[in-house]
Amino acid sequence: MSLMRSPTKGASATGNSSSYPDLTNISAMDMDTKNMVVRKRKTPENDFTHEFNAFKKELLDILKESNRCQLESINTIGHSIASINEQLKEIKTTTEQLISENGLLKSQIATLNDTVKVNEEKITFLQSEIKQLKSNARTSQAPELSPVLMTTCDEAITELQERAERRTPKIIKAQPKN
């Protein structure tokens, strides 16, 4: 057997160096098989598959339970959303009704305001008429009555007197013939 030696000085001086074994000539296949190390296992291979299957089953159970809980949550949220949509529809219809009633009330209030203005104008006109009549009554000492009014008053007085006479019973006595 020969001794292995490091590269010579001449080879390193030129920039070419080599080593034993020459790694540039080894193929990738040879490298994989030579460097593979088999580890010893304390437990047989089938124990790991059993543990892995148990772990997988446990994960599946957890996922199924999580899925069930999420579906229940989604269903309750769906029901809540449906009831909220119903409430929104009711609120919308109620709001529309209130808007229409509000418009009707506004128009009625506007009409009433117009009526109030007209009535206030009439009241102020009548108050001014009353003031004029009072001032005319104060300025004239004896009120002058028109001839038509005088005749109407006279007729009313005579009518009342005639009624009073008719109310009193008259006793008619027969006189003996002589």
N, C-alpha and C. Protein backbone atom coordinates (compact mmCIF):
# COMPACT_ATOMS: atom_id res chain seq x y z
N MET A 1 0.81 -1.15 0.00
CA MET A 1 0.00 0.00 0.00
C MET A 1 0.87 1.23 0.00
N SER A 2 0.49 2.14 -0.79
CA SER A 2 1.33 3.32 -0.87
C SER A 2 0.76 4.40 0.03
N LEU A 3 1.59 5.24 0.43
CA LEU A 3 1.18 6.33 1.30
C LEU A 3 0.57 7.45 0.47
N MET A 4 -0.41 8.03 1.02
CA MET A 4 -1.02 9.16 0.33
C MET A 4 -0.30 10.41 0.74
N ARG A 5 -0.11 11.20 -0.22
CA ARG A 5 0.62 12.43 0.06
C ARG A 5 -0.17 13.62 -0.45
N SER A 6 0.16 14.78 0.11
CA SER A 6 -0.46 16.00 -0.35
C SER A 6 0.14 16.41 -1.68
N PRO A 7 -0.51 17.29 -2.35
CA PRO A 7 -0.03 17.68 -3.67
C PRO A 7 1.36 18.30 -3.59
N THR A 8 1.99 18.21 -4.66
CA THR A 8 3.36 18.73 -4.72
C THR A 8 3.33 20.23 -4.79
N LYS A 9 4.49 20.81 -4.49
CA LYS A 9 4.57 22.25 -4.48
C LYS A 9 4.41 22.82 -5.87
N GLY A 10 4.89 22.18 -6.81
CA GLY A 10 4.83 22.68 -8.17
C GLY A 10 3.39 22.79 -8.65
N ALA A 11 2.57 21.87 -8.29
CA ALA A 11 1.18 21.91 -8.72
C ALA A 11 0.45 23.05 -8.06
N SER A 12 0.80 23.36 -6.80
CA SER A 12 0.12 24.45 -6.11
C SER A 12 0.65 25.79 -6.56
N ALA A 13 1.89 25.85 -7.03
CA ALA A 13 2.46 27.11 -7.46
C ALA A 13 1.82 27.56 -8.76
N THR A 14 1.45 26.65 -9.60
CA THR A 14 0.83 27.03 -10.87
C THR A 14 -0.64 27.34 -10.68
N GLY A 15 -1.15 27.13 -9.54
CA GLY A 15 -2.55 27.40 -9.29
C GLY A 15 -3.41 26.19 -9.45
N ASN A 16 -2.82 25.11 -9.89
CA ASN A 16 -3.56 23.88 -10.02
C ASN A 16 -3.24 23.01 -8.83
N SER A 17 -4.18 22.68 -8.14
CA SER A 17 -3.95 21.78 -7.02
C SER A 17 -4.91 20.64 -7.14
N SER A 18 -4.57 19.58 -6.61
CA SER A 18 -5.45 18.43 -6.64
C SER A 18 -5.32 17.69 -5.34
N SER A 19 -6.26 16.85 -5.11
CA SER A 19 -6.24 16.06 -3.88
C SER A 19 -6.60 14.65 -4.22
N TYR A 20 -6.34 13.79 -3.26
CA TYR A 20 -6.67 12.40 -3.47
C TYR A 20 -7.85 12.09 -2.61
N PRO A 21 -8.87 11.62 -2.95
CA PRO A 21 -9.31 11.32 -4.30
C PRO A 21 -9.71 12.60 -5.01
N ASP A 22 -9.62 12.62 -6.29
CA ASP A 22 -9.94 13.79 -7.09
C ASP A 22 -11.46 13.92 -7.14
N LEU A 23 -11.99 14.96 -6.50
CA LEU A 23 -13.44 15.14 -6.36
C LEU A 23 -14.08 15.59 -7.66
N THR A 24 -13.35 16.10 -8.54
CA THR A 24 -13.93 16.56 -9.80
C THR A 24 -14.31 15.40 -10.70
N ASN A 25 -13.72 14.25 -10.47
CA ASN A 25 -13.99 13.09 -11.31
C ASN A 25 -15.09 12.19 -10.76
N ILE A 26 -15.54 12.43 -9.55
CA ILE A 26 -16.55 11.55 -8.95
C ILE A 26 -17.92 11.96 -9.48
N SER A 27 -18.72 11.01 -9.88
CA SER A 27 -20.05 11.32 -10.39
C SER A 27 -21.02 11.58 -9.23
N ALA A 28 -22.12 12.22 -9.55
CA ALA A 28 -23.12 12.57 -8.52
C ALA A 28 -23.76 11.33 -7.94
N MET A 29 -23.91 10.28 -8.74
CA MET A 29 -24.52 9.05 -8.26
C MET A 29 -23.66 8.38 -7.22
N ASP A 30 -22.40 8.33 -7.50
CA ASP A 30 -21.49 7.70 -6.55
C ASP A 30 -21.48 8.47 -5.24
N MET A 31 -21.59 9.78 -5.35
CA MET A 31 -21.54 10.62 -4.17
C MET A 31 -22.74 10.35 -3.26
N ASP A 32 -23.95 10.18 -3.86
CA ASP A 32 -25.15 9.96 -3.07
C ASP A 32 -25.09 8.64 -2.33
N THR A 33 -24.64 7.61 -2.98
CA THR A 33 -24.63 6.30 -2.34
C THR A 33 -23.54 6.18 -1.30
N LYS A 34 -22.46 6.87 -1.50
CA LYS A 34 -21.36 6.77 -0.54
C LYS A 34 -21.64 7.56 0.72
N ASN A 35 -22.33 8.66 0.59
CA ASN A 35 -22.56 9.54 1.74
C ASN A 35 -23.83 9.21 2.50
N MET A 36 -24.63 8.26 2.08
CA MET A 36 -25.88 7.93 2.73
C MET A 36 -25.60 7.18 4.01
N VAL A 37 -26.23 7.66 5.07
CA VAL A 37 -26.05 7.04 6.38
C VAL A 37 -27.42 6.55 6.83
N VAL A 38 -27.50 5.35 7.25
CA VAL A 38 -28.74 4.78 7.76
C VAL A 38 -28.72 4.89 9.26
N ARG A 39 -29.78 5.52 9.81
CA ARG A 39 -29.83 5.69 11.25
C ARG A 39 -30.58 4.52 11.87
N LYS A 40 -30.22 4.26 13.03
CA LYS A 40 -30.90 3.19 13.76
C LYS A 40 -32.16 3.77 14.40
N ARG A 41 -33.21 3.00 14.36
CA ARG A 41 -34.45 3.43 14.99
C ARG A 41 -34.69 2.56 16.20
N LYS A 42 -35.18 3.24 17.22
CA LYS A 42 -35.44 2.50 18.45
C LYS A 42 -36.78 1.80 18.38
N THR A 43 -37.71 2.34 17.57
CA THR A 43 -39.02 1.71 17.44
C THR A 43 -39.19 1.25 16.01
N PRO A 44 -39.98 0.24 15.83
CA PRO A 44 -40.17 -0.24 14.46
C PRO A 44 -40.96 0.78 13.62
N GLU A 45 -40.89 0.65 12.31
CA GLU A 45 -41.50 1.58 11.35
C GLU A 45 -43.01 1.62 11.48
N ASN A 46 -43.66 0.52 11.74
CA ASN A 46 -45.11 0.49 11.80
C ASN A 46 -45.66 1.25 13.00
N ASP A 47 -44.87 1.45 14.05
CA ASP A 47 -45.34 2.27 15.18
C ASP A 47 -45.55 3.71 14.74
N PHE A 48 -44.67 4.20 13.88
CA PHE A 48 -44.82 5.58 13.40
C PHE A 48 -46.06 5.71 12.53
N THR A 49 -46.36 4.73 11.73
CA THR A 49 -47.56 4.81 10.91
C THR A 49 -48.80 4.78 11.79
N HIS A 50 -48.76 3.97 12.84
CA HIS A 50 -49.89 3.93 13.76
C HIS A 50 -50.08 5.29 14.44
N GLU A 51 -48.96 5.87 14.92
CA GLU A 51 -49.04 7.18 15.57
C GLU A 51 -49.48 8.25 14.57
N PHE A 52 -48.97 8.16 13.35
CA PHE A 52 -49.34 9.12 12.32
C PHE A 52 -50.82 9.01 12.00
N ASN A 53 -51.33 7.78 11.88
CA ASN A 53 -52.76 7.58 11.61
C ASN A 53 -53.60 8.12 12.76
N ALA A 54 -53.16 7.90 14.00
CA ALA A 54 -53.90 8.43 15.15
C ALA A 54 -53.89 9.96 15.14
N PHE A 55 -52.74 10.54 14.81
CA PHE A 55 -52.62 12.00 14.72
C PHE A 55 -53.53 12.54 13.62
N LYS A 56 -53.52 11.83 12.48
CA LYS A 56 -54.36 12.24 11.35
C LYS A 56 -55.84 12.17 11.73
N LYS A 57 -56.23 11.10 12.43
CA LYS A 57 -57.61 10.95 12.84
C LYS A 57 -58.00 12.06 13.82
N GLU A 58 -57.09 12.36 14.74
CA GLU A 58 -57.35 13.42 15.72
C GLU A 58 -57.51 14.77 15.01
N LEU A 59 -56.66 15.05 14.04
CA LEU A 59 -56.76 16.29 13.27
C LEU A 59 -58.08 16.35 12.50
N LEU A 60 -58.47 15.23 11.90
CA LEU A 60 -59.73 15.19 11.17
C LEU A 60 -60.91 15.43 12.10
N ASP A 61 -60.87 14.83 13.30
CA ASP A 61 -61.94 15.05 14.27
C ASP A 61 -62.01 16.52 14.67
N ILE A 62 -60.84 17.12 14.90
CA ILE A 62 -60.81 18.54 15.27
C ILE A 62 -61.37 19.39 14.14
N LEU A 63 -60.98 19.07 12.90
CA LEU A 63 -61.46 19.83 11.76
C LEU A 63 -62.97 19.66 11.57
N LYS A 64 -63.46 18.42 11.76
CA LYS A 64 -64.90 18.17 11.63
C LYS A 64 -65.67 18.95 12.69
N GLU A 65 -65.19 18.93 13.92
CA GLU A 65 -65.85 19.67 15.00
C GLU A 65 -65.83 21.17 14.72
N SER A 66 -64.69 21.64 14.26
CA SER A 66 -64.57 23.06 13.91
C SER A 66 -65.52 23.41 12.78
N ASN A 67 -65.60 22.54 11.79
CA ASN A 67 -66.50 22.75 10.66
C ASN A 67 -67.95 22.78 11.13
N ARG A 68 -68.32 21.86 12.02
CA ARG A 68 -69.69 21.82 12.55
C ARG A 68 -70.01 23.10 13.31
N CYS A 69 -69.09 23.54 14.15
CA CYS A 69 -69.30 24.78 14.92
C CYS A 69 -69.44 25.98 13.99
N GLN A 70 -68.60 26.00 12.96
CA GLN A 70 -68.67 27.12 12.02
C GLN A 70 -69.97 27.10 11.23
N LEU A 71 -70.44 25.91 10.86
CA LEU A 71 -71.72 25.82 10.15
C LEU A 71 -72.87 26.29 11.03
N GLU A 72 -72.84 25.91 12.32
CA GLU A 72 -73.87 26.38 13.24
C GLU A 72 -73.82 27.90 13.36
N SER A 73 -72.62 28.43 13.47
CA SER A 73 -72.47 29.89 13.56
C SER A 73 -72.97 30.56 12.30
N ILE A 74 -72.64 29.98 11.16
CA ILE A 74 -73.09 30.56 9.89
C ILE A 74 -74.61 30.51 9.80
N ASN A 75 -75.22 29.40 10.24
CA ASN A 75 -76.68 29.30 10.21
C ASN A 75 -77.33 30.34 11.11
N THR A 76 -76.81 30.49 12.34
CA THR A 76 -77.39 31.50 13.24
C THR A 76 -77.18 32.90 12.68
N ILE A 77 -76.03 33.14 12.08
CA ILE A 77 -75.79 34.45 11.47
C ILE A 77 -76.74 34.66 10.29
N GLY A 78 -76.97 33.60 9.52
CA GLY A 78 -77.91 33.68 8.40
C GLY A 78 -79.32 34.01 8.87
N HIS A 79 -79.76 33.36 9.95
CA HIS A 79 -81.09 33.65 10.50
C HIS A 79 -81.15 35.08 11.02
N SER A 80 -80.07 35.51 11.67
CA SER A 80 -80.03 36.88 12.18
C SER A 80 -80.09 37.88 11.03
N ILE A 81 -79.37 37.60 9.97
CA ILE A 81 -79.38 38.49 8.82
C ILE A 81 -80.77 38.53 8.19
N ALA A 82 -81.42 37.37 8.11
CA ALA A 82 -82.77 37.33 7.55
C ALA A 82 -83.74 38.16 8.39
N SER A 83 -83.65 38.03 9.72
CA SER A 83 -84.55 38.81 10.57
C SER A 83 -84.22 40.30 10.48
N ILE A 84 -82.95 40.63 10.36
CA ILE A 84 -82.57 42.04 10.21
C ILE A 84 -83.10 42.59 8.88
N ASN A 85 -83.04 41.77 7.83
CA ASN A 85 -83.59 42.20 6.54
C ASN A 85 -85.09 42.44 6.65
N GLU A 86 -85.81 41.56 7.35
CA GLU A 86 -87.25 41.75 7.55
C GLU A 86 -87.51 43.06 8.30
N GLN A 87 -86.73 43.28 9.36
CA GLN A 87 -86.90 44.51 10.14
C GLN A 87 -86.60 45.73 9.28
N LEU A 88 -85.59 45.64 8.42
CA LEU A 88 -85.27 46.76 7.54
C LEU A 88 -86.41 47.04 6.57
N LYS A 89 -87.03 45.97 6.05
CA LYS A 89 -88.17 46.16 5.15
C LYS A 89 -89.32 46.83 5.89
N GLU A 90 -89.60 46.38 7.12
CA GLU A 90 -90.66 46.99 7.91
C GLU A 90 -90.35 48.46 8.21
N ILE A 91 -89.11 48.73 8.55
CA ILE A 91 -88.70 50.11 8.84
C ILE A 91 -88.85 50.96 7.58
N LYS A 92 -88.49 50.40 6.45
CA LYS A 92 -88.58 51.14 5.20
C LYS A 92 -90.03 51.47 4.87
N THR A 93 -90.93 50.48 4.99
CA THR A 93 -92.34 50.75 4.70
C THR A 93 -92.92 51.75 5.70
N THR A 94 -92.55 51.61 6.97
CA THR A 94 -93.03 52.55 7.98
C THR A 94 -92.52 53.95 7.69
N THR A 95 -91.26 54.05 7.30
CA THR A 95 -90.69 55.36 6.98
C THR A 95 -91.40 55.98 5.79
N GLU A 96 -91.68 55.17 4.78
CA GLU A 96 -92.40 55.69 3.61
C GLU A 96 -93.79 56.17 4.00
N GLN A 97 -94.48 55.42 4.85
CA GLN A 97 -95.80 55.84 5.31
C GLN A 97 -95.71 57.14 6.10
N LEU A 98 -94.71 57.22 6.97
CA LEU A 98 -94.54 58.44 7.77
C LEU A 98 -94.21 59.63 6.89
N ILE A 99 -93.43 59.41 5.85
CA ILE A 99 -93.09 60.50 4.93
C ILE A 99 -94.35 61.00 4.22
N SER A 100 -95.18 60.06 3.75
CA SER A 100 -96.41 60.47 3.07
C SER A 100 -97.35 61.18 4.03
N GLU A 101 -97.49 60.67 5.25
CA GLU A 101 -98.34 61.33 6.24
C GLU A 101 -97.79 62.70 6.60
N ASN A 102 -96.47 62.80 6.69
CA ASN A 102 -95.83 64.07 7.01
C ASN A 102 -96.12 65.09 5.91
N GLY A 103 -96.04 64.66 4.65
CA GLY A 103 -96.35 65.55 3.54
C GLY A 103 -97.80 66.01 3.59
N LEU A 104 -98.70 65.08 3.90
CA LEU A 104 -100.12 65.42 4.02
C LEU A 104 -100.34 66.42 5.14
N LEU A 105 -99.70 66.17 6.29
CA LEU A 105 -99.84 67.09 7.42
C LEU A 105 -99.27 68.47 7.08
N LYS A 106 -98.16 68.51 6.36
CA LYS A 106 -97.59 69.79 5.96
C LYS A 106 -98.56 70.57 5.07
N SER A 107 -99.18 69.87 4.13
CA SER A 107 -100.13 70.56 3.25
C SER A 107 -101.34 71.05 4.04
N GLN A 108 -101.82 70.24 4.99
CA GLN A 108 -102.94 70.67 5.82
C GLN A 108 -102.57 71.87 6.68
N ILE A 109 -101.35 71.85 7.22
CA ILE A 109 -100.90 72.98 8.04
C ILE A 109 -100.79 74.23 7.19
N ALA A 110 -100.30 74.08 5.96
CA ALA A 110 -100.21 75.24 5.06
C ALA A 110 -101.61 75.79 4.77
N THR A 111 -102.57 74.89 4.54
CA THR A 111 -103.94 75.32 4.29
C THR A 111 -104.50 76.03 5.52
N LEU A 112 -104.25 75.47 6.69
CA LEU A 112 -104.73 76.11 7.93
C LEU A 112 -104.07 77.47 8.13
N ASN A 113 -102.80 77.58 7.82
CA ASN A 113 -102.12 78.87 7.94
C ASN A 113 -102.74 79.90 7.01
N ASP A 114 -103.07 79.48 5.80
CA ASP A 114 -103.73 80.40 4.87
C ASP A 114 -105.09 80.83 5.41
N THR A 115 -105.84 79.86 5.96
CA THR A 115 -107.15 80.17 6.53
C THR A 115 -107.01 81.13 7.71
N VAL A 116 -106.00 80.90 8.54
CA VAL A 116 -105.77 81.78 9.69
C VAL A 116 -105.46 83.19 9.21
N LYS A 117 -104.65 83.32 8.18
CA LYS A 117 -104.33 84.65 7.65
C LYS A 117 -105.57 85.36 7.15
N VAL A 118 -106.41 84.62 6.41
CA VAL A 118 -107.65 85.21 5.89
C VAL A 118 -108.54 85.64 7.06
N ASN A 119 -108.66 84.76 8.07
CA ASN A 119 -109.51 85.09 9.22
C ASN A 119 -108.96 86.28 9.99
N GLU A 120 -107.64 86.36 10.13
CA GLU A 120 -107.05 87.51 10.81
C GLU A 120 -107.32 88.79 10.05
N GLU A 121 -107.27 88.73 8.72
CA GLU A 121 -107.59 89.91 7.92
C GLU A 121 -109.04 90.32 8.12
N LYS A 122 -109.93 89.33 8.15
CA LYS A 122 -111.35 89.63 8.38
C LYS A 122 -111.56 90.23 9.75
N ILE A 123 -110.87 89.67 10.75
CA ILE A 123 -111.01 90.17 12.13
C ILE A 123 -110.52 91.61 12.21
N THR A 124 -109.38 91.89 11.61
CA THR A 124 -108.88 93.28 11.66
C THR A 124 -109.83 94.22 10.91
N PHE A 125 -110.38 93.76 9.78
CA PHE A 125 -111.35 94.59 9.05
C PHE A 125 -112.58 94.85 9.90
N LEU A 126 -113.11 93.80 10.54
CA LEU A 126 -114.31 93.97 11.38
C LEU A 126 -114.01 94.85 12.58
N GLN A 127 -112.82 94.73 13.16
CA GLN A 127 -112.46 95.58 14.29
C GLN A 127 -112.40 97.05 13.85
N SER A 128 -111.86 97.28 12.69
CA SER A 128 -111.83 98.67 12.20
C SER A 128 -113.24 99.19 11.93
N GLU A 129 -114.11 98.32 11.41
CA GLU A 129 -115.51 98.70 11.18
C GLU A 129 -116.20 99.05 12.50
N ILE A 130 -115.94 98.23 13.54
CA ILE A 130 -116.54 98.48 14.86
C ILE A 130 -116.05 99.81 15.40
N LYS A 131 -114.76 100.08 15.25
CA LYS A 131 -114.21 101.35 15.73
C LYS A 131 -114.84 102.52 15.00
N GLN A 132 -115.05 102.37 13.70
CA GLN A 132 -115.68 103.44 12.93
C GLN A 132 -117.12 103.66 13.40
N LEU A 133 -117.83 102.56 13.61
CA LEU A 133 -119.22 102.69 14.07
C LEU A 133 -119.29 103.34 15.44
N LYS A 134 -118.37 102.96 16.32
CA LYS A 134 -118.35 103.57 17.65
C LYS A 134 -118.03 105.06 17.56
N SER A 135 -117.07 105.38 16.73
CA SER A 135 -116.71 106.80 16.60
C SER A 135 -117.85 107.58 15.96
N ASN A 136 -118.56 106.98 15.00
CA ASN A 136 -119.72 107.64 14.40
C ASN A 136 -120.84 107.80 15.42
N ALA A 137 -121.03 106.81 16.28
CA ALA A 137 -122.10 106.88 17.29
C ALA A 137 -121.78 107.97 18.31
N ARG A 138 -120.53 108.16 18.63
CA ARG A 138 -120.15 109.19 19.59
C ARG A 138 -120.28 110.59 18.99
N THR A 139 -119.94 110.69 17.74
CA THR A 139 -119.99 112.02 17.13
C THR A 139 -121.40 112.49 16.87
N SER A 140 -122.28 111.62 16.53
CA SER A 140 -123.67 112.04 16.28
C SER A 140 -124.48 111.89 17.55
N GLN A 141 -125.21 112.95 17.92
CA GLN A 141 -125.97 112.95 19.17
C GLN A 141 -127.19 112.06 19.05
N ALA A 142 -127.97 112.30 18.08
CA ALA A 142 -129.18 111.51 17.90
C ALA A 142 -129.00 110.71 16.62
N PRO A 143 -129.15 109.47 16.74
CA PRO A 143 -128.98 108.68 15.53
C PRO A 143 -130.13 108.94 14.58
N GLU A 144 -129.82 109.17 13.39
CA GLU A 144 -130.84 109.41 12.39
C GLU A 144 -131.21 108.07 11.77
N LEU A 145 -132.50 107.83 11.77
CA LEU A 145 -132.98 106.57 11.21
C LEU A 145 -133.54 106.83 9.84
N SER A 146 -133.33 105.93 9.03
CA SER A 146 -133.85 106.08 7.67
C SER A 146 -135.36 105.88 7.69
N PRO A 147 -136.06 106.45 6.72
CA PRO A 147 -137.53 106.32 6.69
C PRO A 147 -137.98 104.88 6.54
N VAL A 148 -137.23 104.07 5.85
CA VAL A 148 -137.60 102.67 5.67
C VAL A 148 -137.52 101.97 7.02
N LEU A 149 -136.46 102.27 7.76
CA LEU A 149 -136.28 101.66 9.06
C LEU A 149 -137.37 102.13 10.02
N MET A 150 -137.74 103.37 9.92
CA MET A 150 -138.80 103.91 10.79
C MET A 150 -140.12 103.21 10.53
N THR A 151 -140.48 103.03 9.27
CA THR A 151 -141.74 102.37 8.95
C THR A 151 -141.72 100.92 9.38
N THR A 152 -140.56 100.27 9.23
CA THR A 152 -140.44 98.88 9.64
C THR A 152 -140.61 98.77 11.14
N CYS A 153 -140.02 99.67 11.87
CA CYS A 153 -140.16 99.65 13.34
C CYS A 153 -141.61 99.91 13.74
N ASP A 154 -142.28 100.86 13.09
CA ASP A 154 -143.68 101.16 13.41
C ASP A 154 -144.57 99.96 13.14
N GLU A 155 -144.32 99.30 12.03
CA GLU A 155 -145.11 98.11 11.69
C GLU A 155 -144.89 97.01 12.72
N ALA A 156 -143.66 96.84 13.17
CA ALA A 156 -143.37 95.81 14.16
C ALA A 156 -144.05 96.14 15.47
N ILE A 157 -144.08 97.40 15.84
CA ILE A 157 -144.72 97.78 17.11
C ILE A 157 -146.22 97.55 17.04
N THR A 158 -146.86 97.94 15.96
CA THR A 158 -148.31 97.73 15.84
C THR A 158 -148.64 96.24 15.81
N GLU A 159 -147.80 95.46 15.16
CA GLU A 159 -148.02 94.01 15.12
C GLU A 159 -147.97 93.43 16.51
N LEU A 160 -147.01 93.85 17.31
CA LEU A 160 -146.89 93.35 18.68
C LEU A 160 -148.10 93.75 19.52
N GLN A 161 -148.59 94.95 19.32
CA GLN A 161 -149.77 95.39 20.08
C GLN A 161 -150.99 94.57 19.70
N GLU A 162 -151.15 94.29 18.43
CA GLU A 162 -152.29 93.49 17.98
C GLU A 162 -152.23 92.08 18.56
N ARG A 163 -151.05 91.53 18.62
CA ARG A 163 -150.90 90.19 19.19
C ARG A 163 -151.27 90.20 20.67
N ALA A 164 -150.87 91.23 21.36
CA ALA A 164 -151.17 91.32 22.79
C ALA A 164 -152.67 91.43 22.99
N GLU A 165 -153.37 92.15 22.15
CA GLU A 165 -154.82 92.28 22.27
C GLU A 165 -155.51 90.95 21.97
N ARG A 166 -155.00 90.23 21.05
CA ARG A 166 -155.62 88.96 20.70
C ARG A 166 -155.44 87.93 21.80
N ARG A 167 -154.43 88.08 22.57
CA ARG A 167 -154.20 87.12 23.63
C ARG A 167 -155.20 87.27 24.76
N THR A 168 -155.59 88.42 25.02
CA THR A 168 -156.56 88.62 26.12
C THR A 168 -157.94 88.20 25.62
N PRO A 169 -158.59 87.35 26.37
CA PRO A 169 -159.91 86.88 25.92
C PRO A 169 -160.96 87.99 26.07
N LYS A 170 -161.78 88.08 25.12
CA LYS A 170 -162.87 89.05 25.16
C LYS A 170 -164.16 88.29 25.45
N ILE A 171 -164.86 88.82 26.38
CA ILE A 171 -166.11 88.18 26.76
C ILE A 171 -167.24 88.95 26.08
N ILE A 172 -167.94 88.23 25.31
CA ILE A 172 -169.07 88.84 24.62
C ILE A 172 -170.33 88.41 25.35
N LYS A 173 -171.11 89.39 25.74
CA LYS A 173 -172.36 89.10 26.44
C LYS A 173 -173.52 89.47 25.52
N ALA A 174 -174.45 88.69 25.57
CA ALA A 174 -175.62 88.97 24.76
C ALA A 174 -176.51 89.97 25.50
N GLN A 175 -177.00 90.94 24.78
CA GLN A 175 -177.86 91.95 25.39
C GLN A 175 -179.32 91.59 25.10
N PRO A 176 -180.09 91.78 26.10
CA PRO A 176 -181.51 91.45 25.90
C PRO A 176 -182.16 92.42 24.91
N LYS A 177 -183.10 91.95 24.20
CA LYS A 177 -183.80 92.77 23.23
C LYS A 177 -184.92 93.52 23.94
N ASN A 178 -185.04 94.69 23.74
CA ASN A 178 -186.10 95.44 24.36
C ASN A 178 -187.16 95.78 23.42
